[in-house]
């Protein structure tokens, strides 16, 4: 399973950490892919909020998800 989160402002980006923490606490088998302006300004923020990857563009996101799907095969 993949959760795609795109945000426009920093406060929303920082709340991704809450989502990540809750999913890990629930032992959910979910990968988190983030994108949006705040993540483009800080290239390490996606790691700081607990996401598994970041896509700069929608096509990046598609490529990342396809790669993850290939890993499952």
PDB file of N, CA and C in Angstrom:
ATOM      1  N   UNK A   1       0.832  -1.179   0.000  1.00  0.00           N
ATOM      2  CA  UNK A   1       0.000   0.000   0.000  1.00  0.00           C
ATOM      3  C   UNK A   1       0.874   1.239   0.000  1.00  0.00           C
ATOM      4  N   UNK A   2       0.360   2.263  -0.656  1.00  0.00           N
ATOM      5  CA  UNK A   2       1.094   3.521  -0.780  1.00  0.00           C
ATOM      6  C   UNK A   2       0.160   4.661  -0.394  1.00  0.00           C
ATOM      7  N   UNK A   3       0.674   5.573   0.402  1.00  0.00           N
ATOM      8  CA  UNK A   3      -0.054   6.780   0.767  1.00  0.00           C
ATOM      9  C   UNK A   3       0.660   7.952   0.115  1.00  0.00           C
ATOM     10  N   UNK A   4      -0.039   8.665  -0.751  1.00  0.00           N
ATOM     11  CA  UNK A   4       0.518   9.833  -1.420  1.00  0.00           C
ATOM     12  C   UNK A   4       0.014  11.082  -0.717  1.00  0.00           C
ATOM     13  N   UNK A   5       0.940  11.944  -0.291  1.00  0.00           N
ATOM     14  CA  UNK A   5       0.567  13.179   0.402  1.00  0.00           C
ATOM     15  C   UNK A   5       1.247  14.346  -0.291  1.00  0.00           C
ATOM     16  N   UNK A   6       0.446  15.301  -0.748  1.00  0.00           N
ATOM     17  CA  UNK A   6       0.972  16.508  -1.368  1.00  0.00           C
ATOM     18  C   UNK A   6       0.484  17.711  -0.563  1.00  0.00           C
ATOM     19  N   UNK A   7       1.400  18.604  -0.234  1.00  0.00           N
ATOM     20  CA  UNK A   7       1.047  19.762   0.587  1.00  0.00           C
ATOM     21  C   UNK A   7       1.564  21.043  -0.051  1.00  0.00           C
ATOM     22  N   UNK A   8       0.948  22.149   0.328  1.00  0.00           N
ATOM     23  CA  UNK A   8       1.342  23.447  -0.214  1.00  0.00           C
ATOM     24  C   UNK A   8       2.045  24.343   0.790  1.00  0.00           C
ATOM     25  N   UNK A   9       1.821  24.092   2.093  1.00  0.00           N
ATOM     26  CA  UNK A   9       2.397  24.982   3.094  1.00  0.00           C
ATOM     27  C   UNK A   9       3.142  24.174   4.163  1.00  0.00           C
ATOM     28  N   UNK A  10       4.112  24.809   4.785  1.00  0.00           N
ATOM     29  CA  UNK A  10       4.980  24.151   5.760  1.00  0.00           C
ATOM     30  C   UNK A  10       4.225  23.502   6.922  1.00  0.00           C
ATOM     31  N   UNK A  11       3.251  24.172   7.538  1.00  0.00           N
ATOM     32  CA  UNK A  11       2.565  23.516   8.662  1.00  0.00           C
ATOM     33  C   UNK A  11       1.940  22.171   8.263  1.00  0.00           C
ATOM     34  N   UNK A  12       1.414  22.092   7.071  1.00  0.00           N
ATOM     35  CA  UNK A  12       0.843  20.823   6.605  1.00  0.00           C
ATOM     36  C   UNK A  12       1.932  19.784   6.404  1.00  0.00           C
ATOM     37  N   UNK A  13       3.061  20.197   5.868  1.00  0.00           N
ATOM     38  CA  UNK A  13       4.176  19.271   5.656  1.00  0.00           C
ATOM     39  C   UNK A  13       4.654  18.694   6.982  1.00  0.00           C
ATOM     40  N   UNK A  14       4.717  19.511   8.001  1.00  0.00           N
ATOM     41  CA  UNK A  14       5.185  19.051   9.304  1.00  0.00           C
ATOM     42  C   UNK A  14       4.219  18.067   9.951  1.00  0.00           C
ATOM     43  N   UNK A  15       2.961  18.128   9.573  1.00  0.00           N
ATOM     44  CA  UNK A  15       1.960  17.205  10.141  1.00  0.00           C
ATOM     45  C   UNK A  15       2.067  15.809   9.550  1.00  0.00           C
ATOM     46  N   UNK A  16       2.822  15.676   8.475  1.00  0.00           N
ATOM     47  CA  UNK A  16       3.054  14.347   7.904  1.00  0.00           C
ATOM     48  C   UNK A  16       3.718  13.452   8.947  1.00  0.00           C
ATOM     49  N   UNK A  17       4.521  14.037   9.808  1.00  0.00           N
ATOM     50  CA  UNK A  17       5.163  13.265  10.876  1.00  0.00           C
ATOM     51  C   UNK A  17       4.115  12.571  11.742  1.00  0.00           C
ATOM     52  N   UNK A  18       3.017  13.244  12.054  1.00  0.00           N
ATOM     53  CA  UNK A  18       1.950  12.643  12.857  1.00  0.00           C
ATOM     54  C   UNK A  18       1.344  11.442  12.129  1.00  0.00           C
ATOM     55  N   UNK A  19       1.135  11.590  10.846  1.00  0.00           N
ATOM     56  CA  UNK A  19       0.577  10.500  10.043  1.00  0.00           C
ATOM     57  C   UNK A  19       1.546   9.315  10.054  1.00  0.00           C
ATOM     58  N   UNK A  20       2.801   9.597   9.808  1.00  0.00           N
ATOM     59  CA  UNK A  20       3.819   8.549   9.782  1.00  0.00           C
ATOM     60  C   UNK A  20       3.913   7.833  11.127  1.00  0.00           C
ATOM     61  N   UNK A  21       3.935   8.588  12.191  1.00  0.00           N
ATOM     62  CA  UNK A  21       4.028   8.006  13.536  1.00  0.00           C
ATOM     63  C   UNK A  21       2.819   7.128  13.836  1.00  0.00           C
ATOM     64  N   UNK A  22       1.630   7.604  13.486  1.00  0.00           N
ATOM     65  CA  UNK A  22       0.406   6.835  13.738  1.00  0.00           C
ATOM     66  C   UNK A  22       0.384   5.540  12.932  1.00  0.00           C
ATOM     67  N   UNK A  23       0.830   5.606  11.682  1.00  0.00           N
ATOM     68  CA  UNK A  23       0.851   4.397  10.853  1.00  0.00           C
ATOM     69  C   UNK A  23       1.857   3.381  11.389  1.00  0.00           C
ATOM     70  N   UNK A  24       3.007   3.857  11.830  1.00  0.00           N
ATOM     71  CA  UNK A  24       4.000   2.943  12.391  1.00  0.00           C
ATOM     72  C   UNK A  24       3.504   2.328  13.698  1.00  0.00           C
ATOM     73  N   UNK A  25       2.825   3.126  14.521  1.00  0.00           N
ATOM     74  CA  UNK A  25       2.285   2.611  15.776  1.00  0.00           C
ATOM     75  C   UNK A  25       1.225   1.541  15.522  1.00  0.00           C
ATOM     76  N   UNK A  26       0.488   1.705  14.438  1.00  0.00           N
ATOM     77  CA  UNK A  26      -0.546   0.736  14.065  1.00  0.00           C
ATOM     78  C   UNK A  26       0.037  -0.439  13.280  1.00  0.00           C
ATOM     79  N   UNK A  27       1.339  -0.420  13.073  1.00  0.00           N
ATOM     80  CA  UNK A  27       2.052  -1.440  12.305  1.00  0.00           C
ATOM     81  C   UNK A  27       1.460  -1.617  10.908  1.00  0.00           C
ATOM     82  N   UNK A  28       1.041  -0.508  10.338  1.00  0.00           N
ATOM     83  CA  UNK A  28       0.480  -0.526   8.985  1.00  0.00           C
ATOM     84  C   UNK A  28       1.598  -0.761   7.974  1.00  0.00           C
ATOM     85  N   UNK A  29       1.318  -1.572   7.001  1.00  0.00           N
ATOM     86  CA  UNK A  29       2.268  -1.855   5.933  1.00  0.00           C
ATOM     87  C   UNK A  29       2.045  -0.847   4.812  1.00  0.00           C
ATOM     88  N   UNK A  30       2.449   0.391   5.053  1.00  0.00           N
ATOM     89  CA  UNK A  30       2.200   1.484   4.118  1.00  0.00           C
ATOM     90  C   UNK A  30       3.498   2.237   3.872  1.00  0.00           C
ATOM     91  N   UNK A  31       3.741   2.562   2.612  1.00  0.00           N
ATOM     92  CA  UNK A  31       4.858   3.439   2.269  1.00  0.00           C
ATOM     93  C   UNK A  31       4.279   4.827   2.019  1.00  0.00           C
ATOM     94  N   UNK A  32       4.982   5.840   2.503  1.00  0.00           N
ATOM     95  CA  UNK A  32       4.516   7.222   2.372  1.00  0.00           C
ATOM     96  C   UNK A  32       5.381   7.942   1.352  1.00  0.00           C
ATOM     97  N   UNK A  33       4.712   8.516   0.363  1.00  0.00           N
ATOM     98  CA  UNK A  33       5.361   9.308  -0.673  1.00  0.00           C
ATOM     99  C   UNK A  33       4.823  10.725  -0.571  1.00  0.00           C
ATOM    100  N   UNK A  34       5.711  11.696  -0.408  1.00  0.00           N
ATOM    101  CA  UNK A  34       5.287  13.088  -0.243  1.00  0.00           C
ATOM    102  C   UNK A  34       5.763  13.949  -1.402  1.00  0.00           C
ATOM    103  N   UNK A  35       5.109  15.085  -1.530  1.00  0.00           N
ATOM    104  CA  UNK A  35       5.506  16.066  -2.524  1.00  0.00           C
ATOM    105  C   UNK A  35       4.888  17.410  -2.180  1.00  0.00           C
ATOM    106  N   UNK A  36       5.278  18.422  -2.918  1.00  0.00           N
ATOM    107  CA  UNK A  36       4.747  19.755  -2.690  1.00  0.00           C
ATOM    108  C   UNK A  36       5.863  20.742  -2.369  1.00  0.00           C
ATOM    109  N   UNK A  37       5.483  21.992  -2.367  1.00  0.00           N
ATOM    110  CA  UNK A  37       6.440  23.087  -2.235  1.00  0.00           C
ATOM    111  C   UNK A  37       7.370  22.983  -1.022  1.00  0.00           C
ATOM    112  N   UNK A  38       6.870  22.718   0.179  1.00  0.00           N
ATOM    113  CA  UNK A  38       7.787  22.691   1.324  1.00  0.00           C
ATOM    114  C   UNK A  38       8.888  21.644   1.177  1.00  0.00           C
ATOM    115  N   UNK A  39       8.562  20.516   0.573  1.00  0.00           N
ATOM    116  CA  UNK A  39       9.553  19.457   0.399  1.00  0.00           C
ATOM    117  C   UNK A  39      10.562  19.811  -0.688  1.00  0.00           C
ATOM    118  N   UNK A  40      10.174  20.647  -1.611  1.00  0.00           N
ATOM    119  CA  UNK A  40      11.103  21.080  -2.656  1.00  0.00           C
ATOM    120  C   UNK A  40      12.094  22.111  -2.122  1.00  0.00           C
ATOM    121  N   UNK A  41      11.677  22.889  -1.124  1.00  0.00           N
ATOM    122  CA  UNK A  41      12.565  23.900  -0.540  1.00  0.00           C
ATOM    123  C   UNK A  41      13.586  23.287   0.415  1.00  0.00           C
ATOM    124  N   UNK A  42      13.222  22.198   1.051  1.00  0.00           N
ATOM    125  CA  UNK A  42      14.124  21.533   1.997  1.00  0.00           C
ATOM    126  C   UNK A  42      14.257  20.079   1.555  1.00  0.00           C
ATOM    127  N   UNK A  43      15.372  19.756   0.950  1.00  0.00           N
ATOM    128  CA  UNK A  43      15.547  18.441   0.327  1.00  0.00           C
ATOM    129  C   UNK A  43      15.580  17.278   1.319  1.00  0.00           C
ATOM    130  N   UNK A  44      15.711  17.558   2.610  1.00  0.00           N
ATOM    131  CA  UNK A  44      15.737  16.491   3.610  1.00  0.00           C
ATOM    132  C   UNK A  44      14.470  16.404   4.444  1.00  0.00           C
ATOM    133  N   UNK A  45      13.543  17.319   4.231  1.00  0.00           N
ATOM    134  CA  UNK A  45      12.335  17.347   5.062  1.00  0.00           C
ATOM    135  C   UNK A  45      11.543  16.047   4.974  1.00  0.00           C
ATOM    136  N   UNK A  46      11.500  15.441   3.789  1.00  0.00           N
ATOM    137  CA  UNK A  46      10.722  14.199   3.658  1.00  0.00           C
ATOM    138  C   UNK A  46      11.238  13.129   4.617  1.00  0.00           C
ATOM    139  N   UNK A  47      12.528  13.080   4.835  1.00  0.00           N
ATOM    140  CA  UNK A  47      13.090  12.116   5.775  1.00  0.00           C
ATOM    141  C   UNK A  47      12.762  12.504   7.210  1.00  0.00           C
ATOM    142  N   UNK A  48      12.803  13.797   7.487  1.00  0.00           N
ATOM    143  CA  UNK A  48      12.542  14.287   8.843  1.00  0.00           C
ATOM    144  C   UNK A  48      11.110  14.011   9.289  1.00  0.00           C
ATOM    145  N   UNK A  49      10.167  13.963   8.352  1.00  0.00           N
ATOM    146  CA  UNK A  49       8.768  13.715   8.718  1.00  0.00           C
ATOM    147  C   UNK A  49       8.402  12.241   8.640  1.00  0.00           C
ATOM    148  N   UNK A  50       9.369  11.398   8.277  1.00  0.00           N
ATOM    149  CA  UNK A  50       9.127   9.960   8.291  1.00  0.00           C
ATOM    150  C   UNK A  50       8.580   9.378   7.004  1.00  0.00           C
ATOM    151  N   UNK A  51       8.661  10.122   5.911  1.00  0.00           N
ATOM    152  CA  UNK A  51       8.197   9.589   4.625  1.00  0.00           C
ATOM    153  C   UNK A  51       9.240   8.621   4.073  1.00  0.00           C
ATOM    154  N   UNK A  52       8.809   7.802   3.145  1.00  0.00           N
ATOM    155  CA  UNK A  52       9.714   6.834   2.520  1.00  0.00           C
ATOM    156  C   UNK A  52      10.366   7.388   1.259  1.00  0.00           C
ATOM    157  N   UNK A  53       9.756   8.407   0.671  1.00  0.00           N
ATOM    158  CA  UNK A  53      10.314   9.020  -0.540  1.00  0.00           C
ATOM    159  C   UNK A  53       9.621  10.344  -0.800  1.00  0.00           C
ATOM    160  N   UNK A  54      10.230  11.126  -1.709  1.00  0.00           N
ATOM    161  CA  UNK A  54       9.664  12.398  -2.124  1.00  0.00           C
ATOM    162  C   UNK A  54       9.763  12.503  -3.636  1.00  0.00           C
ATOM    163  N   UNK A  55       8.690  12.991  -4.245  1.00  0.00           N
ATOM    164  CA  UNK A  55       8.705  13.237  -5.679  1.00  0.00           C
ATOM    165  C   UNK A  55       8.610  14.722  -5.950  1.00  0.00           C
ATOM    166  N   UNK A  56       9.485  15.215  -6.825  1.00  0.00           N
ATOM    167  CA  UNK A  56       9.428  16.638  -7.192  1.00  0.00           C
ATOM    168  C   UNK A  56       8.229  16.938  -8.081  1.00  0.00           C
ATOM    169  N   UNK A  57       7.860  15.964  -8.902  1.00  0.00           N
ATOM    170  CA  UNK A  57       6.755  16.147  -9.850  1.00  0.00           C
ATOM    171  C   UNK A  57       5.839  14.927  -9.793  1.00  0.00           C
ATOM    172  N   UNK A  58       4.691  15.053 -10.439  1.00  0.00           N
ATOM    173  CA  UNK A  58       3.763  13.919 -10.506  1.00  0.00           C
ATOM    174  C   UNK A  58       4.402  12.744 -11.235  1.00  0.00           C
ATOM    175  N   UNK A  59       5.176  13.019 -12.276  1.00  0.00           N
ATOM    176  CA  UNK A  59       5.829  11.923 -12.995  1.00  0.00           C
ATOM    177  C   UNK A  59       6.888  11.251 -12.124  1.00  0.00           C
ATOM    178  N   UNK A  60       7.548  12.010 -11.253  1.00  0.00           N
ATOM    179  CA  UNK A  60       8.476  11.404 -10.284  1.00  0.00           C
ATOM    180  C   UNK A  60       7.719  10.442  -9.368  1.00  0.00           C
ATOM    181  N   UNK A  61       6.566  10.875  -8.908  1.00  0.00           N
ATOM    182  CA  UNK A  61       5.764  10.047  -8.005  1.00  0.00           C
ATOM    183  C   UNK A  61       5.364   8.743  -8.695  1.00  0.00           C
ATOM    184  N   UNK A  62       4.957   8.826  -9.937  1.00  0.00           N
ATOM    185  CA  UNK A  62       4.581   7.627 -10.685  1.00  0.00           C
ATOM    186  C   UNK A  62       5.783   6.694 -10.811  1.00  0.00           C
ATOM    187  N   UNK A  63       6.935   7.247 -11.129  1.00  0.00           N
ATOM    188  CA  UNK A  63       8.156   6.443 -11.274  1.00  0.00           C
ATOM    189  C   UNK A  63       8.508   5.752  -9.960  1.00  0.00           C
ATOM    190  N   UNK A  64       8.401   6.464  -8.851  1.00  0.00           N
ATOM    191  CA  UNK A  64       8.725   5.898  -7.538  1.00  0.00           C
ATOM    192  C   UNK A  64       7.768   4.763  -7.198  1.00  0.00           C
ATOM    193  N   UNK A  65       6.471   4.976  -7.416  1.00  0.00           N
ATOM    194  CA  UNK A  65       5.488   3.929  -7.118  1.00  0.00           C
ATOM    195  C   UNK A  65       5.715   2.717  -8.019  1.00  0.00           C
ATOM    196  N   UNK A  66       6.015   2.946  -9.290  1.00  0.00           N
ATOM    197  CA  UNK A  66       6.303   1.824 -10.187  1.00  0.00           C
ATOM    198  C   UNK A  66       7.517   1.034  -9.690  1.00  0.00           C
ATOM    199  N   UNK A  67       8.531   1.740  -9.233  1.00  0.00           N
ATOM    200  CA  UNK A  67       9.718   1.080  -8.687  1.00  0.00           C
ATOM    201  C   UNK A  67       9.355   0.232  -7.466  1.00  0.00           C
ATOM    202  N   UNK A  68       8.528   0.786  -6.595  1.00  0.00           N
ATOM    203  CA  UNK A  68       8.091   0.034  -5.418  1.00  0.00           C
ATOM    204  C   UNK A  68       7.314  -1.207  -5.834  1.00  0.00           C
ATOM    205  N   UNK A  69       6.458  -1.071  -6.840  1.00  0.00           N
ATOM    206  CA  UNK A  69       5.680  -2.208  -7.307  1.00  0.00           C
ATOM    207  C   UNK A  69       6.589  -3.285  -7.885  1.00  0.00           C
ATOM    208  N   UNK A  70       7.620  -2.880  -8.607  1.00  0.00           N
ATOM    209  CA  UNK A  70       8.597  -3.827  -9.149  1.00  0.00           C
ATOM    210  C   UNK A  70       9.308  -4.571  -8.032  1.00  0.00           C
ATOM    211  N   UNK A  71       9.585  -3.892  -6.933  1.00  0.00           N
ATOM    212  CA  UNK A  71      10.261  -4.520  -5.793  1.00  0.00           C
ATOM    213  C   UNK A  71       9.400  -5.621  -5.177  1.00  0.00           C
ATOM    214  N   UNK A  72       8.070  -5.472  -5.281  1.00  0.00           N
ATOM    215  CA  UNK A  72       7.169  -6.454  -4.705  1.00  0.00           C
ATOM    216  C   UNK A  72       7.051  -7.705  -5.570  1.00  0.00           C
ATOM    217  N   UNK A  73       7.433  -7.585  -6.827  1.00  0.00           N
ATOM    218  CA  UNK A  73       7.296  -8.721  -7.749  1.00  0.00           C
ATOM    219  C   UNK A  73       8.383  -9.741  -7.544  1.00  0.00           C
TER     220      UNK A  73
END
